[in-house]
Amino acid sequence: MRFPTLTPVAKAQLWGLLVGTALAVLACERLDLGYRVMLISGAIAWVASERLLAPRLTGSDAKTVALAVASGLAFPWIGVATALLLNAIKP
């Protein structure tokens, strides 16, 4: 079985997603937030960015790879922000 070959941008975004999700889950645990809201919101943000941001993330220069890492780190934190917001407006 052969694994697919990932581009440097895909590897950078995958690394950012894994590290960002781990840190976001830890934050949700410490802040007593729901994991479901965080994971679903982060996944929706990632899918939306694949539609809008992915066509621009081509190449393998340092700026593009850094943007891919930053975007990968940001998506789970969008989920944490959504969970915090929903927790704040909960009756």
PDB file of N, CA and C in Angstrom:
ATOM      1  N   MET A   1       0.846  -1.168   0.000  1.00  0.00           N
ATOM      2  CA  MET A   1       0.000   0.000   0.000  1.00  0.00           C
ATOM      3  C   MET A   1       0.894   1.235   0.000  1.00  0.00           C
ATOM      4  N   ARG A   2       0.609   2.134  -0.918  1.00  0.00           N
ATOM      5  CA  ARG A   2       1.386   3.366  -1.008  1.00  0.00           C
ATOM      6  C   ARG A   2       0.582   4.524  -0.447  1.00  0.00           C
ATOM      7  N   PHE A   3       1.238   5.343   0.326  1.00  0.00           N
ATOM      8  CA  PHE A   3       0.605   6.538   0.846  1.00  0.00           C
ATOM      9  C   PHE A   3       0.727   7.659  -0.185  1.00  0.00           C
ATOM     10  N   PRO A   4      -0.238   8.556  -0.196  1.00  0.00           N
ATOM     11  CA  PRO A   4      -0.154   9.659  -1.152  1.00  0.00           C
ATOM     12  C   PRO A   4       1.008  10.592  -0.803  1.00  0.00           C
ATOM     13  N   THR A   5       1.584  11.191  -1.797  1.00  0.00           N
ATOM     14  CA  THR A   5       2.657  12.140  -1.599  1.00  0.00           C
ATOM     15  C   THR A   5       2.045  13.513  -1.378  1.00  0.00           C
ATOM     16  N   LEU A   6       2.370  14.112  -0.256  1.00  0.00           N
ATOM     17  CA  LEU A   6       1.827  15.419   0.081  1.00  0.00           C
ATOM     18  C   LEU A   6       2.795  16.518  -0.330  1.00  0.00           C
ATOM     19  N   THR A   7       2.248  17.630  -0.748  1.00  0.00           N
ATOM     20  CA  THR A   7       3.070  18.790  -1.072  1.00  0.00           C
ATOM     21  C   THR A   7       3.564  19.422   0.233  1.00  0.00           C
ATOM     22  N   PRO A   8       4.586  20.265   0.158  1.00  0.00           N
ATOM     23  CA  PRO A   8       5.054  20.937   1.378  1.00  0.00           C
ATOM     24  C   PRO A   8       3.968  21.777   2.054  1.00  0.00           C
ATOM     25  N   VAL A   9       3.093  22.382   1.269  1.00  0.00           N
ATOM     26  CA  VAL A   9       2.006  23.172   1.844  1.00  0.00           C
ATOM     27  C   VAL A   9       1.017  22.272   2.579  1.00  0.00           C
ATOM     28  N   ALA A  10       0.691  21.129   1.999  1.00  0.00           N
ATOM     29  CA  ALA A  10      -0.236  20.200   2.644  1.00  0.00           C
ATOM     30  C   ALA A  10       0.363  19.637   3.930  1.00  0.00           C
ATOM     31  N   LYS A  11       1.654  19.336   3.921  1.00  0.00           N
ATOM     32  CA  LYS A  11       2.317  18.859   5.137  1.00  0.00           C
ATOM     33  C   LYS A  11       2.299  19.927   6.222  1.00  0.00           C
ATOM     34  N   ALA A  12       2.548  21.175   5.840  1.00  0.00           N
ATOM     35  CA  ALA A  12       2.565  22.269   6.811  1.00  0.00           C
ATOM     36  C   ALA A  12       1.179  22.494   7.402  1.00  0.00           C
ATOM     37  N   GLN A  13       0.151  22.453   6.555  1.00  0.00           N
ATOM     38  CA  GLN A  13      -1.196  22.657   7.070  1.00  0.00           C
ATOM     39  C   GLN A  13      -1.637  21.478   7.928  1.00  0.00           C
ATOM     40  N   LEU A  14      -1.258  20.278   7.568  1.00  0.00           N
ATOM     41  CA  LEU A  14      -1.579  19.110   8.384  1.00  0.00           C
ATOM     42  C   LEU A  14      -0.908  19.207   9.745  1.00  0.00           C
ATOM     43  N   TRP A  15       0.354  19.621   9.769  1.00  0.00           N
ATOM     44  CA  TRP A  15       1.055  19.797  11.036  1.00  0.00           C
ATOM     45  C   TRP A  15       0.353  20.849  11.882  1.00  0.00           C
ATOM     46  N   GLY A  16      -0.030  21.972  11.265  1.00  0.00           N
ATOM     47  CA  GLY A  16      -0.736  23.017  11.992  1.00  0.00           C
ATOM     48  C   GLY A  16      -2.075  22.546  12.528  1.00  0.00           C
ATOM     49  N   LEU A  17      -2.797  21.767  11.732  1.00  0.00           N
ATOM     50  CA  LEU A  17      -4.086  21.233  12.181  1.00  0.00           C
ATOM     51  C   LEU A  17      -3.918  20.282  13.365  1.00  0.00           C
ATOM     52  N   LEU A  18      -2.917  19.425  13.310  1.00  0.00           N
ATOM     53  CA  LEU A  18      -2.714  18.475  14.405  1.00  0.00           C
ATOM     54  C   LEU A  18      -2.303  19.175  15.695  1.00  0.00           C
ATOM     55  N   VAL A  19      -1.352  20.082  15.605  1.00  0.00           N
ATOM     56  CA  VAL A  19      -0.898  20.797  16.797  1.00  0.00           C
ATOM     57  C   VAL A  19      -1.989  21.735  17.306  1.00  0.00           C
ATOM     58  N   GLY A  20      -2.650  22.444  16.405  1.00  0.00           N
ATOM     59  CA  GLY A  20      -3.723  23.349  16.805  1.00  0.00           C
ATOM     60  C   GLY A  20      -4.891  22.625  17.449  1.00  0.00           C
ATOM     61  N   THR A  21      -5.251  21.463  16.913  1.00  0.00           N
ATOM     62  CA  THR A  21      -6.344  20.690  17.499  1.00  0.00           C
ATOM     63  C   THR A  21      -5.970  20.170  18.876  1.00  0.00           C
ATOM     64  N   ALA A  22      -4.741  19.711  19.038  1.00  0.00           N
ATOM     65  CA  ALA A  22      -4.306  19.232  20.350  1.00  0.00           C
ATOM     66  C   ALA A  22      -4.353  20.352  21.386  1.00  0.00           C
ATOM     67  N   LEU A  23      -3.876  21.522  21.016  1.00  0.00           N
ATOM     68  CA  LEU A  23      -3.903  22.648  21.943  1.00  0.00           C
ATOM     69  C   LEU A  23      -5.325  23.133  22.203  1.00  0.00           C
ATOM     70  N   ALA A  24      -6.175  23.108  21.190  1.00  0.00           N
ATOM     71  CA  ALA A  24      -7.559  23.538  21.358  1.00  0.00           C
ATOM     72  C   ALA A  24      -8.340  22.568  22.243  1.00  0.00           C
ATOM     73  N   VAL A  25      -8.093  21.275  22.094  1.00  0.00           N
ATOM     74  CA  VAL A  25      -8.752  20.291  22.958  1.00  0.00           C
ATOM     75  C   VAL A  25      -8.301  20.487  24.403  1.00  0.00           C
ATOM     76  N   LEU A  26      -7.031  20.756  24.611  1.00  0.00           N
ATOM     77  CA  LEU A  26      -6.525  21.024  25.955  1.00  0.00           C
ATOM     78  C   LEU A  26      -7.186  22.277  26.536  1.00  0.00           C
ATOM     79  N   ALA A  27      -7.328  23.314  25.728  1.00  0.00           N
ATOM     80  CA  ALA A  27      -7.985  24.537  26.191  1.00  0.00           C
ATOM     81  C   ALA A  27      -9.454  24.281  26.519  1.00  0.00           C
ATOM     82  N   CYS A  28     -10.130  23.498  25.698  1.00  0.00           N
ATOM     83  CA  CYS A  28     -11.535  23.178  25.969  1.00  0.00           C
ATOM     84  C   CYS A  28     -11.670  22.383  27.259  1.00  0.00           C
ATOM     85  N   GLU A  29     -10.725  21.501  27.506  1.00  0.00           N
ATOM     86  CA  GLU A  29     -10.753  20.720  28.740  1.00  0.00           C
ATOM     87  C   GLU A  29     -10.553  21.619  29.952  1.00  0.00           C
ATOM     88  N   ARG A  30      -9.611  22.544  29.863  1.00  0.00           N
ATOM     89  CA  ARG A  30      -9.328  23.438  30.989  1.00  0.00           C
ATOM     90  C   ARG A  30     -10.446  24.457  31.212  1.00  0.00           C
ATOM     91  N   LEU A  31     -11.127  24.880  30.142  1.00  0.00           N
ATOM     92  CA  LEU A  31     -12.178  25.886  30.242  1.00  0.00           C
ATOM     93  C   LEU A  31     -13.570  25.272  30.383  1.00  0.00           C
ATOM     94  N   ASP A  32     -13.654  23.955  30.467  1.00  0.00           N
ATOM     95  CA  ASP A  32     -14.926  23.232  30.578  1.00  0.00           C
ATOM     96  C   ASP A  32     -15.883  23.576  29.435  1.00  0.00           C
ATOM     97  N   LEU A  33     -15.377  23.505  28.221  1.00  0.00           N
ATOM     98  CA  LEU A  33     -16.186  23.742  27.026  1.00  0.00           C
ATOM     99  C   LEU A  33     -16.478  22.411  26.346  1.00  0.00           C
ATOM    100  N   GLY A  34     -17.490  22.411  25.486  1.00  0.00           N
ATOM    101  CA  GLY A  34     -17.850  21.200  24.768  1.00  0.00           C
ATOM    102  C   GLY A  34     -16.909  20.937  23.602  1.00  0.00           C
ATOM    103  N   TYR A  35     -16.496  19.688  23.475  1.00  0.00           N
ATOM    104  CA  TYR A  35     -15.611  19.302  22.371  1.00  0.00           C
ATOM    105  C   TYR A  35     -16.345  19.299  21.042  1.00  0.00           C
ATOM    106  N   ARG A  36     -17.621  18.916  21.082  1.00  0.00           N
ATOM    107  CA  ARG A  36     -18.374  18.799  19.831  1.00  0.00           C
ATOM    108  C   ARG A  36     -18.451  20.119  19.089  1.00  0.00           C
ATOM    109  N   VAL A  37     -18.791  21.172  19.807  1.00  0.00           N
ATOM    110  CA  VAL A  37     -18.913  22.486  19.177  1.00  0.00           C
ATOM    111  C   VAL A  37     -17.569  22.920  18.610  1.00  0.00           C
ATOM    112  N   MET A  38     -16.505  22.700  19.364  1.00  0.00           N
ATOM    113  CA  MET A  38     -15.176  23.087  18.912  1.00  0.00           C
ATOM    114  C   MET A  38     -14.777  22.319  17.662  1.00  0.00           C
ATOM    115  N   LEU A  39     -14.983  21.024  17.655  1.00  0.00           N
ATOM    116  CA  LEU A  39     -14.582  20.205  16.514  1.00  0.00           C
ATOM    117  C   LEU A  39     -15.425  20.496  15.270  1.00  0.00           C
ATOM    118  N   ILE A  40     -16.732  20.656  15.456  1.00  0.00           N
ATOM    119  CA  ILE A  40     -17.603  20.920  14.309  1.00  0.00           C
ATOM    120  C   ILE A  40     -17.319  22.298  13.723  1.00  0.00           C
ATOM    121  N   SER A  41     -17.164  23.311  14.577  1.00  0.00           N
ATOM    122  CA  SER A  41     -16.884  24.668  14.084  1.00  0.00           C
ATOM    123  C   SER A  41     -15.522  24.740  13.408  1.00  0.00           C
ATOM    124  N   GLY A  42     -14.534  24.083  13.985  1.00  0.00           N
ATOM    125  CA  GLY A  42     -13.208  24.055  13.368  1.00  0.00           C
ATOM    126  C   GLY A  42     -13.221  23.349  12.021  1.00  0.00           C
ATOM    127  N   ALA A  43     -13.984  22.262  11.929  1.00  0.00           N
ATOM    128  CA  ALA A  43     -14.085  21.539  10.658  1.00  0.00           C
ATOM    129  C   ALA A  43     -14.797  22.375   9.602  1.00  0.00           C
ATOM    130  N   ILE A  44     -15.838  23.092  10.005  1.00  0.00           N
ATOM    131  CA  ILE A  44     -16.541  23.965   9.057  1.00  0.00           C
ATOM    132  C   ILE A  44     -15.616  25.075   8.573  1.00  0.00           C
ATOM    133  N   ALA A  45     -14.820  25.649   9.477  1.00  0.00           N
ATOM    134  CA  ALA A  45     -13.872  26.695   9.082  1.00  0.00           C
ATOM    135  C   ALA A  45     -12.823  26.142   8.121  1.00  0.00           C
ATOM    136  N   TRP A  46     -12.365  24.922   8.376  1.00  0.00           N
ATOM    137  CA  TRP A  46     -11.360  24.323   7.497  1.00  0.00           C
ATOM    138  C   TRP A  46     -11.936  24.046   6.105  1.00  0.00           C
ATOM    139  N   VAL A  47     -13.144  23.510   6.052  1.00  0.00           N
ATOM    140  CA  VAL A  47     -13.773  23.220   4.757  1.00  0.00           C
ATOM    141  C   VAL A  47     -14.015  24.515   3.980  1.00  0.00           C
ATOM    142  N   ALA A  48     -14.463  25.556   4.676  1.00  0.00           N
ATOM    143  CA  ALA A  48     -14.676  26.841   4.004  1.00  0.00           C
ATOM    144  C   ALA A  48     -13.360  27.408   3.484  1.00  0.00           C
ATOM    145  N   SER A  49     -12.288  27.230   4.237  1.00  0.00           N
ATOM    146  CA  SER A  49     -10.997  27.755   3.778  1.00  0.00           C
ATOM    147  C   SER A  49     -10.461  26.955   2.598  1.00  0.00           C
ATOM    148  N   GLU A  50     -10.775  25.690   2.541  1.00  0.00           N
ATOM    149  CA  GLU A  50     -10.353  24.900   1.393  1.00  0.00           C
ATOM    150  C   GLU A  50     -10.990  25.433   0.115  1.00  0.00           C
ATOM    151  N   ARG A  51     -12.165  25.974   0.238  1.00  0.00           N
ATOM    152  CA  ARG A  51     -12.841  26.562  -0.918  1.00  0.00           C
ATOM    153  C   ARG A  51     -12.247  27.925  -1.285  1.00  0.00           C
ATOM    154  N   LEU A  52     -11.895  28.705  -0.249  1.00  0.00           N
ATOM    155  CA  LEU A  52     -11.457  30.081  -0.489  1.00  0.00           C
ATOM    156  C   LEU A  52      -9.937  30.249  -0.498  1.00  0.00           C
ATOM    157  N   LEU A  53      -9.236  29.578   0.408  1.00  0.00           N
ATOM    158  CA  LEU A  53      -7.806  29.814   0.582  1.00  0.00           C
ATOM    159  C   LEU A  53      -6.929  28.835  -0.191  1.00  0.00           C
ATOM    160  N   ALA A  54      -7.387  27.617  -0.368  1.00  0.00           N
ATOM    161  CA  ALA A  54      -6.556  26.575  -0.987  1.00  0.00           C
ATOM    162  C   ALA A  54      -6.067  26.914  -2.393  1.00  0.00           C
ATOM    163  N   PRO A  55      -6.872  27.532  -3.243  1.00  0.00           N
ATOM    164  CA  PRO A  55      -6.337  27.859  -4.575  1.00  0.00           C
ATOM    165  C   PRO A  55      -5.158  28.829  -4.534  1.00  0.00           C
ATOM    166  N   ARG A  56      -5.051  29.616  -3.466  1.00  0.00           N
ATOM    167  CA  ARG A  56      -3.956  30.582  -3.358  1.00  0.00           C
ATOM    168  C   ARG A  56      -2.709  29.983  -2.725  1.00  0.00           C
ATOM    169  N   LEU A  57      -2.855  28.863  -2.034  1.00  0.00           N
ATOM    170  CA  LEU A  57      -1.718  28.237  -1.360  1.00  0.00           C
ATOM    171  C   LEU A  57      -1.026  27.246  -2.292  1.00  0.00           C
ATOM    172  N   THR A  58      -0.346  27.752  -3.254  1.00  0.00           N
ATOM    173  CA  THR A  58       0.422  26.911  -4.163  1.00  0.00           C
ATOM    174  C   THR A  58       1.873  27.327  -4.099  1.00  0.00           C
ATOM    175  N   GLY A  59       2.736  26.397  -4.325  1.00  0.00           N
ATOM    176  CA  GLY A  59       4.165  26.678  -4.272  1.00  0.00           C
ATOM    177  C   GLY A  59       4.776  26.055  -3.033  1.00  0.00           C
ATOM    178  N   SER A  60       6.045  26.291  -2.857  1.00  0.00           N
ATOM    179  CA  SER A  60       6.729  25.725  -1.694  1.00  0.00           C
ATOM    180  C   SER A  60       7.716  26.718  -1.082  1.00  0.00           C
ATOM    181  N   ASP A  61       7.486  28.016  -1.308  1.00  0.00           N
ATOM    182  CA  ASP A  61       8.375  28.993  -0.693  1.00  0.00           C
ATOM    183  C   ASP A  61       8.046  29.147   0.792  1.00  0.00           C
ATOM    184  N   ALA A  62       8.917  29.797   1.510  1.00  0.00           N
ATOM    185  CA  ALA A  62       8.787  29.894   2.967  1.00  0.00           C
ATOM    186  C   ALA A  62       7.538  30.663   3.384  1.00  0.00           C
ATOM    187  N   LYS A  63       7.177  31.681   2.638  1.00  0.00           N
ATOM    188  CA  LYS A  63       6.001  32.473   2.983  1.00  0.00           C
ATOM    189  C   LYS A  63       4.724  31.641   2.859  1.00  0.00           C
ATOM    190  N   THR A  64       4.620  30.858   1.823  1.00  0.00           N
ATOM    191  CA  THR A  64       3.441  30.023   1.616  1.00  0.00           C
ATOM    192  C   THR A  64       3.347  28.932   2.669  1.00  0.00           C
ATOM    193  N   VAL A  65       4.474  28.314   3.005  1.00  0.00           N
ATOM    194  CA  VAL A  65       4.475  27.259   4.030  1.00  0.00           C
ATOM    195  C   VAL A  65       4.124  27.852   5.387  1.00  0.00           C
ATOM    196  N   ALA A  66       4.649  29.043   5.703  1.00  0.00           N
ATOM    197  CA  ALA A  66       4.315  29.698   6.970  1.00  0.00           C
ATOM    198  C   ALA A  66       2.829  30.042   7.035  1.00  0.00           C
ATOM    199  N   LEU A  67       2.252  30.491   5.934  1.00  0.00           N
ATOM    200  CA  LEU A  67       0.823  30.777   5.892  1.00  0.00           C
ATOM    201  C   LEU A  67       0.002  29.502   6.077  1.00  0.00           C
ATOM    202  N   ALA A  68       0.471  28.397   5.520  1.00  0.00           N
ATOM    203  CA  ALA A  68      -0.223  27.123   5.680  1.00  0.00           C
ATOM    204  C   ALA A  68      -0.182  26.654   7.134  1.00  0.00           C
ATOM    205  N   VAL A  69       0.957  26.808   7.804  1.00  0.00           N
ATOM    206  CA  VAL A  69       1.051  26.436   9.219  1.00  0.00           C
ATOM    207  C   VAL A  69       0.136  27.324  10.055  1.00  0.00           C
ATOM    208  N   ALA A  70       0.167  28.626   9.789  1.00  0.00           N
ATOM    209  CA  ALA A  70      -0.675  29.557  10.549  1.00  0.00           C
ATOM    210  C   ALA A  70      -2.156  29.272  10.346  1.00  0.00           C
ATOM    211  N   SER A  71      -2.546  28.971   9.121  1.00  0.00           N
ATOM    212  CA  SER A  71      -3.958  28.675   8.879  1.00  0.00           C
ATOM    213  C   SER A  71      -4.351  27.354   9.536  1.00  0.00           C
ATOM    214  N   GLY A  72      -3.467  26.375   9.507  1.00  0.00           N
ATOM    215  CA  GLY A  72      -3.758  25.109  10.172  1.00  0.00           C
ATOM    216  C   GLY A  72      -3.897  25.272  11.675  1.00  0.00           C
ATOM    217  N   LEU A  73      -3.090  26.127  12.271  1.00  0.00           N
ATOM    218  CA  LEU A  73      -3.197  26.391  13.705  1.00  0.00           C
ATOM    219  C   LEU A  73      -4.462  27.166  14.045  1.00  0.00           C
ATOM    220  N   ALA A  74      -4.941  27.996  13.138  1.00  0.00           N
ATOM    221  CA  ALA A  74      -6.070  28.882  13.429  1.00  0.00           C
ATOM    222  C   ALA A  74      -7.423  28.181  13.403  1.00  0.00           C
ATOM    223  N   PHE A  75      -7.603  27.181  12.564  1.00  0.00           N
ATOM    224  CA  PHE A  75      -8.932  26.583  12.403  1.00  0.00           C
ATOM    225  C   PHE A  75      -9.494  25.997  13.693  1.00  0.00           C
ATOM    226  N   PRO A  76      -8.746  25.229  14.473  1.00  0.00           N
ATOM    227  CA  PRO A  76      -9.312  24.730  15.729  1.00  0.00           C
ATOM    228  C   PRO A  76      -9.635  25.848  16.717  1.00  0.00           C
ATOM    229  N   TRP A  77      -8.894  26.938  16.670  1.00  0.00           N
ATOM    230  CA  TRP A  77      -9.151  28.046  17.588  1.00  0.00           C
ATOM    231  C   TRP A  77     -10.391  28.827  17.191  1.00  0.00           C
ATOM    232  N   ILE A  78     -10.774  28.762  15.938  1.00  0.00           N
ATOM    233  CA  ILE A  78     -12.076  29.311  15.541  1.00  0.00           C
ATOM    234  C   ILE A  78     -13.172  28.503  16.238  1.00  0.00           C
ATOM    235  N   GLY A  79     -12.971  27.203  16.331  1.00  0.00           N
ATOM    236  CA  GLY A  79     -13.914  26.357  17.052  1.00  0.00           C
ATOM    237  C   GLY A  79     -13.959  26.669  18.538  1.00  0.00           C
ATOM    238  N   VAL A  80     -12.805  26.952  19.148  1.00  0.00           N
ATOM    239  CA  VAL A  80     -12.775  27.321  20.571  1.00  0.00           C
ATOM    240  C   VAL A  80     -13.503  28.644  20.776  1.00  0.00           C
ATOM    241  N   ALA A  81     -13.284  29.598  19.884  1.00  0.00           N
ATOM    242  CA  ALA A  81     -13.976  30.887  19.997  1.00  0.00           C
ATOM    243  C   ALA A  81     -15.481  30.711  19.870  1.00  0.00           C
ATOM    244  N   THR A  82     -15.915  29.844  18.968  1.00  0.00           N
ATOM    245  CA  THR A  82     -17.345  29.574  18.819  1.00  0.00           C
ATOM    246  C   THR A  82     -17.905  28.921  20.071  1.00  0.00           C
ATOM    247  N   ALA A  83     -17.169  27.972  20.642  1.00  0.00           N
ATOM    248  CA  ALA A  83     -17.620  27.316  21.873  1.00  0.00           C
ATOM    249  C   ALA A  83     -17.699  28.316  23.026  1.00  0.00           C
ATOM    250  N   LEU A  84     -16.728  29.219  23.116  1.00  0.00           N
ATOM    251  CA  LEU A  84     -16.773  30.248  24.153  1.00  0.00           C
ATOM    252  C   LEU A  84     -17.976  31.165  23.965  1.00  0.00           C
ATOM    253  N   LEU A  85     -18.225  31.552  22.719  1.00  0.00           N
ATOM    254  CA  LEU A  85     -19.361  32.428  22.435  1.00  0.00           C
ATOM    255  C   LEU A  85     -20.683  31.739  22.786  1.00  0.00           C
ATOM    256  N   LEU A  86     -20.833  30.504  22.372  1.00  0.00           N
ATOM    257  CA  LEU A  86     -22.081  29.785  22.670  1.00  0.00           C
ATOM    258  C   LEU A  86     -22.233  29.533  24.155  1.00  0.00           C
ATOM    259  N   ASN A  87     -21.127  29.324  24.854  1.00  0.00           N
ATOM    260  CA  ASN A  87     -21.174  29.136  26.296  1.00  0.00           C
ATOM    261  C   ASN A  87     -21.565  30.440  26.994  1.00  0.00           C
ATOM    262  N   ALA A  88     -21.125  31.577  26.442  1.00  0.00           N
ATOM    263  CA  ALA A  88     -21.434  32.873  27.051  1.00  0.00           C
ATOM    264  C   ALA A  88     -22.899  33.257  26.867  1.00  0.00           C
ATOM    265  N   ILE A  89     -23.501  32.883  25.757  1.00  0.00           N
ATOM    266  CA  ILE A  89     -24.895  33.264  25.524  1.00  0.00           C
ATOM    267  C   ILE A  89     -25.884  32.197  25.991  1.00  0.00           C
ATOM    268  N   LYS A  90     -25.367  31.127  26.563  1.00  0.00           N
ATOM    269  CA  LYS A  90     -26.240  30.063  27.055  1.00  0.00           C
ATOM    270  C   LYS A  90     -27.060  30.594  28.240  1.00  0.00           C
ATOM    271  N   PRO A  91     -28.365  30.325  28.257  1.00  0.00           N
ATOM    272  CA  PRO A  91     -29.196  30.848  29.380  1.00  0.00           C
ATOM    273  C   PRO A  91     -28.881  30.155  30.686  1.00  0.00           C
TER     274      PRO A  91
END
